[in-house]
Amino acid sequence: MSEKNLDLVVVGAGPCGIAAGAAARAAGLRTVLFDRGCVTQSLIGYPYYMTFFSTAEKLEIAGVPFTIPDSKPTRRDALAYFRRVVRQRELDVRQYEEVTSVTGVEGDITVHTRCLSGVERAVRTRAVAIATGGFSEPNWLRVPGEDLPKVLHYYREPYPFYDQDVLVVGGRNSAVESALELHRNGARVTMVHFEDTLDPGVKAWVIPDIANRLENGEIQMYYRHRVAEVKPDSVVLRAEHTRRTVELPNQWVLAMTGWRADQQLLRSLGVEIDDTTGIPTYDPSTMQTNVPGVFVAGVLAAGNDANKIFIENGRDHGALIARALVDSRAHSSSR
């Protein structure tokens, strides 16, 4: 394939980026995917033993069956599956090659990249699809002491926290599931959440478990509180209404407060982004932004609320992009 004659460059090789690349390739479009990490880098950061909320069928992309013995796939199942899609659909994925900038106009776009070795490259393409996901930067607590090494914005497994005082911040699935696993593996767990109940999206089969642990006092919960300060051997919580504070002994803070997308590349291209929602301007029938030749796919299209788009609905964006590019090529040829 000539590097000068690409039809589409996909920035991001997560599930939705892979789906976009596969749809484009199936449509006969010359396509390359770039990712600053590995294939499905975002899934690498999930807890080791995480189970997806969605069924395997709803995570299927590119017509490749996702066959497992259980109804809901684990992180390990998903990692194996998406790599199988890349292999079976013969996708050209450039891992560990970061897109540093995109220049040009529709039909003649140059994508500039940098490899881990520092080598810089450039490819030319008709169009580019940004599918960088929603896990670029954590939602910071923005409190004194957040820069202490005891504060983590990710969770992998419970074993490093045995016999430790751990504060879990948040009320969504990641916070609840990590708190339960920590508790079962010998950590002393406290939770803090600024709302007065857990998030309604917490998995149904998890709710009775966490409810029993809270009711029995096995996990202590501070509803309607926020972290006010993190100290080397303690943490200070502040009540939302009374503003009263309480200081608890603490060795670790797991801030399960979610992550946000990196919109820098979109902004550099002139894509309009709503200041309140963070949603880029795009046509939902094609996923093309207000900048001709620039598309979005996956969670990035959801703006600040990454819970609006998952793999199961973001996987369809690739087909829309491919169809738009095929139609555009046919229209140009008929002129």
Protein backbone atom coordinates (compact mmCIF):
# COMPACT_ATOMS: atom_id res chain seq x y z
CA MET A 1 0.00 0.00 0.00
CA SER A 2 1.39 3.43 -0.88
CA GLU A 3 1.68 5.63 2.20
CA LYS A 4 0.76 8.58 -0.04
CA ASN A 5 -2.58 7.17 -1.11
CA LEU A 6 -4.48 6.33 2.06
CA ASP A 7 -8.20 6.85 2.22
CA LEU A 8 -8.44 6.92 6.01
CA VAL A 9 -6.18 7.22 9.02
CA VAL A 10 -7.75 6.16 12.31
CA VAL A 11 -6.19 7.73 15.39
CA GLY A 12 -6.65 5.22 18.20
CA ALA A 13 -6.69 1.43 18.20
CA GLY A 14 -9.26 0.80 20.89
CA PRO A 15 -12.41 -1.24 20.21
CA CYS A 16 -14.18 1.59 18.36
CA GLY A 17 -11.04 2.52 16.43
CA ILE A 18 -10.61 -1.12 15.40
CA ALA A 19 -14.27 -1.23 14.36
CA ALA A 20 -13.75 1.89 12.23
CA GLY A 21 -10.63 0.46 10.63
CA ALA A 22 -12.32 -2.86 9.91
CA ALA A 23 -15.38 -1.17 8.39
CA ALA A 24 -13.19 1.00 6.19
CA ARG A 25 -11.12 -1.96 5.03
CA ALA A 26 -14.27 -3.98 4.28
CA ALA A 27 -15.45 -1.07 2.15
CA GLY A 28 -12.25 -1.22 0.12
CA LEU A 29 -10.71 1.87 1.71
CA ARG A 30 -6.96 1.97 2.24
CA THR A 31 -6.65 2.41 5.99
CA VAL A 32 -4.00 2.63 8.70
CA LEU A 33 -4.53 2.86 12.47
CA PHE A 34 -2.12 4.63 14.83
CA ASP A 35 -2.01 4.37 18.62
CA ARG A 36 0.42 5.85 21.10
CA GLY A 37 0.06 2.65 23.12
CA CYS A 38 -0.76 -0.93 22.23
CA VAL A 39 -3.92 -2.38 20.71
CA THR A 40 -6.81 -1.63 23.13
CA GLN A 41 -4.52 0.29 25.48
CA SER A 42 -7.52 1.45 27.53
CA LEU A 43 -8.47 -2.14 28.37
CA ILE A 44 -4.95 -2.75 29.64
CA GLY A 45 -5.71 -0.25 32.37
CA TYR A 46 -8.85 -2.04 33.56
CA PRO A 47 -8.77 -4.14 36.75
CA TYR A 48 -7.23 -7.53 36.01
CA TYR A 49 -10.36 -9.53 36.84
CA MET A 50 -13.00 -7.07 35.57
CA THR A 51 -16.20 -8.45 34.02
CA PHE A 52 -18.01 -6.37 31.39
CA PHE A 53 -21.58 -5.23 31.94
CA SER A 54 -22.39 -5.99 28.30
CA THR A 55 -22.76 -9.47 26.86
CA ALA A 56 -20.15 -10.77 24.45
CA GLU A 57 -22.59 -10.41 21.54
CA LYS A 58 -22.95 -6.67 22.16
CA LEU A 59 -19.17 -6.21 22.05
CA GLU A 60 -18.75 -7.96 18.72
CA ILE A 61 -17.24 -5.90 15.90
CA ALA A 62 -16.33 -6.42 12.25
CA GLY A 63 -18.48 -9.54 11.96
CA VAL A 64 -16.08 -11.59 14.08
CA PRO A 65 -17.98 -13.80 16.59
CA PHE A 66 -17.12 -13.23 20.25
CA THR A 67 -17.63 -16.75 21.56
CA ILE A 68 -17.01 -17.48 25.24
CA PRO A 69 -18.53 -20.03 27.67
CA ASP A 70 -19.95 -17.35 30.01
CA SER A 71 -22.56 -14.73 29.19
CA LYS A 72 -20.40 -11.75 30.12
CA PRO A 73 -16.79 -11.43 29.00
CA THR A 74 -13.88 -10.62 31.28
CA ARG A 75 -11.10 -8.14 30.55
CA ARG A 76 -8.93 -11.07 29.51
CA ASP A 77 -11.61 -12.35 27.09
CA ALA A 78 -11.93 -8.89 25.53
CA LEU A 79 -8.20 -8.39 25.12
CA ALA A 80 -7.92 -11.70 23.28
CA TYR A 81 -11.00 -11.01 21.16
CA PHE A 82 -10.05 -7.56 19.86
CA ARG A 83 -6.58 -8.76 18.96
CA ARG A 84 -8.20 -11.59 17.04
CA VAL A 85 -10.27 -9.05 15.11
CA VAL A 86 -7.11 -7.12 14.17
CA ARG A 87 -5.50 -10.34 12.95
CA GLN A 88 -8.49 -11.77 11.10
CA ARG A 89 -9.36 -8.50 9.39
CA GLU A 90 -5.69 -7.91 8.57
CA LEU A 91 -5.67 -4.37 9.94
CA ASP A 92 -2.53 -2.26 9.63
CA VAL A 93 -2.10 -1.04 13.21
CA ARG A 94 0.97 1.04 14.09
CA GLN A 95 1.35 0.49 17.83
CA TYR A 96 3.37 2.86 20.00
CA GLU A 97 3.33 5.50 17.27
CA GLU A 98 1.69 8.67 18.51
CA VAL A 99 -0.07 11.11 16.21
CA THR A 100 1.48 14.47 17.05
CA SER A 101 -0.39 16.68 14.59
CA VAL A 102 -2.68 16.66 11.57
CA THR A 103 -2.44 19.25 8.80
CA GLY A 104 -3.97 19.88 5.40
CA VAL A 105 -7.49 19.83 4.04
CA GLU A 106 -10.05 17.19 3.07
CA GLY A 107 -8.63 15.00 0.34
CA ASP A 108 -5.03 15.93 1.14
CA ILE A 109 -4.39 15.53 4.85
CA THR A 110 -0.97 14.85 6.36
CA VAL A 111 -0.77 12.92 9.62
CA HIS A 112 2.47 13.45 11.55
CA THR A 113 3.57 10.73 14.00
CA ARG A 114 6.37 9.92 16.44
CA CYS A 115 7.54 6.42 17.38
CA LEU A 116 8.84 5.40 20.80
CA SER A 117 12.34 5.56 19.35
CA GLY A 118 11.81 9.23 18.57
CA VAL A 119 11.63 8.68 14.82
CA GLU A 120 9.11 11.04 13.21
CA ARG A 121 7.04 10.08 10.19
CA ALA A 122 4.25 11.45 8.03
CA VAL A 123 1.51 9.84 5.94
CA ARG A 124 -1.00 11.40 3.57
CA THR A 125 -4.67 10.50 3.56
CA ARG A 126 -8.04 11.66 2.27
CA ALA A 127 -9.61 11.69 5.72
CA VAL A 128 -8.89 11.07 9.39
CA ALA A 129 -11.06 9.57 12.15
CA ILE A 130 -10.23 10.47 15.74
CA ALA A 131 -11.04 7.54 18.05
CA THR A 132 -8.81 8.25 21.03
CA GLY A 133 -11.37 7.26 23.65
CA GLY A 134 -12.19 8.86 26.98
CA PHE A 135 -9.27 7.71 29.11
CA SER A 136 -6.57 10.30 28.51
CA GLU A 137 -6.63 12.11 31.84
CA PRO A 138 -8.32 11.36 35.18
CA ASN A 139 -10.92 13.65 36.71
CA TRP A 140 -8.69 15.18 39.35
CA LEU A 141 -9.83 15.72 42.92
CA ARG A 142 -8.04 19.09 42.86
CA VAL A 143 -7.32 19.10 46.59
CA PRO A 144 -4.13 19.60 48.59
CA GLY A 145 -2.10 16.41 48.79
CA GLU A 146 -3.43 14.84 45.59
CA ASP A 147 0.14 14.69 44.31
CA LEU A 148 1.19 12.33 47.11
CA PRO A 149 2.21 8.87 45.83
CA LYS A 150 -0.53 7.29 47.98
CA VAL A 151 -3.20 8.76 45.68
CA LEU A 152 -4.04 6.52 42.70
CA HIS A 153 -6.50 7.11 39.88
CA TYR A 154 -6.54 3.50 38.73
CA TYR A 155 -7.11 0.10 40.30
CA ARG A 156 -5.68 -3.21 39.14
CA GLU A 157 -5.92 -5.74 41.98
CA PRO A 158 -6.37 -5.78 45.80
CA TYR A 159 -3.23 -7.51 47.01
CA PRO A 160 -0.95 -4.47 47.54
CA PHE A 161 -3.52 -3.03 49.97
CA TYR A 162 -3.77 -5.89 52.47
CA ASP A 163 -4.08 -4.65 56.08
CA GLN A 164 -4.12 -1.02 54.89
CA ASP A 165 -6.57 1.84 55.43
CA VAL A 166 -7.94 2.58 51.95
CA LEU A 167 -10.32 5.36 50.93
CA VAL A 168 -12.24 4.70 47.71
CA VAL A 169 -13.62 7.87 46.12
CA GLY A 170 -16.73 7.58 43.94
CA GLY A 171 -20.08 5.83 43.67
CA ARG A 172 -20.03 4.17 40.27
CA ASN A 173 -19.16 0.64 39.22
CA SER A 174 -15.40 1.07 39.39
CA ALA A 175 -15.57 2.43 42.94
CA VAL A 176 -18.05 -0.17 44.19
CA GLU A 177 -16.32 -3.17 42.66
CA SER A 178 -12.87 -2.13 43.80
CA ALA A 179 -14.16 -1.47 47.33
CA LEU A 180 -15.72 -4.94 47.52
CA GLU A 181 -12.63 -6.69 46.22
CA LEU A 182 -10.37 -4.73 48.57
CA HIS A 183 -12.58 -5.62 51.53
CA ARG A 184 -12.53 -9.33 50.68
CA ASN A 185 -8.76 -9.29 50.50
CA GLY A 186 -8.05 -7.80 53.87
CA ALA A 187 -8.05 -4.04 53.33
CA ARG A 188 -9.89 -1.69 55.70
CA VAL A 189 -12.14 0.15 53.27
CA THR A 190 -13.94 3.47 53.55
CA MET A 191 -15.92 5.02 50.70
CA VAL A 192 -16.80 8.66 50.05
CA HIS A 193 -19.36 9.89 47.52
CA PHE A 194 -20.73 13.41 47.00
CA GLU A 195 -24.25 12.10 46.26
CA ASP A 196 -26.63 10.61 48.84
CA THR A 197 -26.90 7.26 47.01
CA LEU A 198 -24.78 5.11 44.75
CA ASP A 199 -24.98 5.79 41.03
CA PRO A 200 -28.10 4.21 39.45
CA GLY A 201 -25.88 2.59 36.83
CA VAL A 202 -24.16 0.29 39.33
CA LYS A 203 -24.51 -3.31 38.11
CA ALA A 204 -27.69 -4.91 39.44
CA TRP A 205 -25.97 -8.04 40.72
CA VAL A 206 -23.44 -5.94 42.68
CA ILE A 207 -25.96 -3.78 44.57
CA PRO A 208 -27.06 -6.41 47.16
CA ASP A 209 -23.42 -7.19 47.92
CA ILE A 210 -22.35 -3.59 48.55
CA ALA A 211 -25.61 -2.84 50.41
CA ASN A 212 -24.95 -5.69 52.85
CA ARG A 213 -21.34 -4.63 53.41
CA LEU A 214 -22.43 -1.06 54.17
CA GLU A 215 -25.31 -2.11 56.40
CA ASN A 216 -23.04 -4.42 58.41
CA GLY A 217 -20.39 -1.75 58.78
CA GLU A 218 -17.81 -3.87 57.01
CA ILE A 219 -17.27 -0.96 54.61
CA GLN A 220 -17.84 2.53 55.97
CA MET A 221 -19.55 5.02 53.65
CA TYR A 222 -19.54 8.82 53.82
CA TYR A 223 -22.36 9.98 51.58
CA ARG A 224 -22.61 13.67 50.64
CA HIS A 225 -18.97 14.19 51.47
CA ARG A 226 -15.94 15.12 49.40
CA VAL A 227 -12.23 14.78 49.93
CA ALA A 228 -10.95 18.09 51.30
CA GLU A 229 -7.29 17.23 51.83
CA VAL A 230 -4.95 14.27 51.61
CA LYS A 231 -2.21 14.04 54.24
CA PRO A 232 0.65 11.53 54.50
CA ASP A 233 -1.08 9.43 57.18
CA SER A 234 -4.69 10.60 56.98
CA VAL A 235 -7.39 12.06 54.78
CA VAL A 236 -9.82 14.90 55.52
CA LEU A 237 -13.44 14.66 54.34
CA ARG A 238 -15.87 17.58 54.23
CA ALA A 239 -19.67 17.32 54.42
CA GLU A 240 -21.43 18.92 51.45
CA HIS A 241 -24.00 20.95 53.45
CA THR A 242 -22.62 21.47 56.93
CA ARG A 243 -19.01 21.90 55.74
CA ARG A 244 -17.90 20.01 58.82
CA THR A 245 -14.80 17.93 58.41
CA VAL A 246 -13.66 14.57 59.67
CA GLU A 247 -10.09 13.25 59.57
CA LEU A 248 -9.55 9.53 59.09
CA PRO A 249 -6.40 7.41 59.31
CA ASN A 250 -5.38 6.54 55.77
CA GLN A 251 -2.60 4.93 53.78
CA TRP A 252 -4.11 4.88 50.28
CA VAL A 253 -6.63 6.92 48.31
CA LEU A 254 -8.15 5.28 45.22
CA ALA A 255 -9.85 8.07 43.28
CA MET A 256 -12.32 6.16 41.12
CA THR A 257 -13.69 9.43 39.75
CA GLY A 258 -13.56 8.61 36.06
CA TRP A 259 -11.47 9.85 33.19
CA ARG A 260 -11.81 12.41 30.43
CA ALA A 261 -10.95 12.55 26.75
CA ASP A 262 -8.02 14.42 25.26
CA GLN A 263 -9.59 16.95 22.87
CA GLN A 264 -6.38 18.75 21.97
CA LEU A 265 -6.09 17.15 18.53
CA LEU A 266 -9.70 17.95 17.67
CA ARG A 267 -9.28 21.57 18.75
CA SER A 268 -6.05 21.92 16.76
CA LEU A 269 -8.00 20.89 13.65
CA GLY A 270 -10.67 23.51 14.24
CA VAL A 271 -13.39 21.14 15.40
CA GLU A 272 -16.02 23.02 17.39
CA ILE A 273 -16.55 21.67 20.92
CA ASP A 274 -19.37 22.65 23.25
CA ASP A 275 -17.93 24.39 26.32
CA THR A 276 -20.52 22.87 28.66
CA THR A 277 -20.90 19.29 27.43
CA GLY A 278 -17.53 18.82 25.77
CA ILE A 279 -19.30 17.25 22.78
CA PRO A 280 -17.63 17.96 19.43
CA THR A 281 -19.79 19.18 16.57
CA TYR A 282 -20.51 16.27 14.22
CA ASP A 283 -23.18 14.84 11.95
CA PRO A 284 -24.56 11.69 13.67
CA SER A 285 -25.40 10.17 10.28
CA THR A 286 -21.77 10.26 9.10
CA MET A 287 -19.73 11.11 12.25
CA GLN A 288 -18.06 13.89 10.23
CA THR A 289 -17.25 17.00 12.28
CA ASN A 290 -17.68 20.60 11.17
CA VAL A 291 -14.24 20.23 9.56
CA PRO A 292 -14.57 18.34 6.24
CA GLY A 293 -12.57 15.12 6.20
CA VAL A 294 -12.31 14.93 10.00
CA PHE A 295 -14.47 12.32 11.74
CA VAL A 296 -14.95 11.19 15.35
CA ALA A 297 -15.68 7.68 16.58
CA GLY A 298 -16.39 6.05 19.92
CA VAL A 299 -16.41 7.59 23.37
CA LEU A 300 -14.78 10.81 22.18
CA ALA A 301 -18.11 11.75 20.59
CA ALA A 302 -19.79 11.74 24.02
CA GLY A 303 -17.86 14.71 25.37
CA ASN A 304 -17.61 14.93 29.14
CA ASP A 305 -20.08 12.11 29.81
CA ALA A 306 -18.25 8.96 28.73
CA ASN A 307 -21.16 6.86 30.02
CA LYS A 308 -23.28 7.84 27.00
CA ILE A 309 -21.23 5.87 24.51
CA PHE A 310 -19.89 2.37 25.07
CA ILE A 311 -18.39 -0.23 22.77
CA GLU A 312 -21.87 -1.58 22.04
CA ASN A 313 -23.07 1.67 20.43
CA GLY A 314 -19.71 3.24 19.49
CA ARG A 315 -18.88 0.18 17.38
CA ASP A 316 -21.39 1.36 14.75
CA HIS A 317 -19.58 4.64 14.09
CA GLY A 318 -17.04 2.99 11.82
CA ALA A 319 -19.67 1.83 9.34
CA LEU A 320 -21.09 5.36 9.16
CA ILE A 321 -17.64 6.80 8.47
CA ALA A 322 -16.85 4.19 5.82
CA ARG A 323 -20.16 4.77 4.06
CA ALA A 324 -19.61 8.52 4.05
CA LEU A 325 -16.15 8.13 2.53
CA VAL A 326 -17.35 5.69 -0.12
CA ASP A 327 -20.22 8.01 -1.03
CA SER A 328 -17.83 10.96 -1.16
CA ARG A 329 -15.46 9.10 -3.48
CA ALA A 330 -18.31 8.07 -5.76
CA HIS A 331 -19.58 11.64 -5.87
CA SER A 332 -16.11 12.95 -6.76
CA SER A 333 -15.70 10.34 -9.50
CA SER A 334 -19.01 11.30 -11.11
CA ARG A 335 -18.04 14.92 -11.51
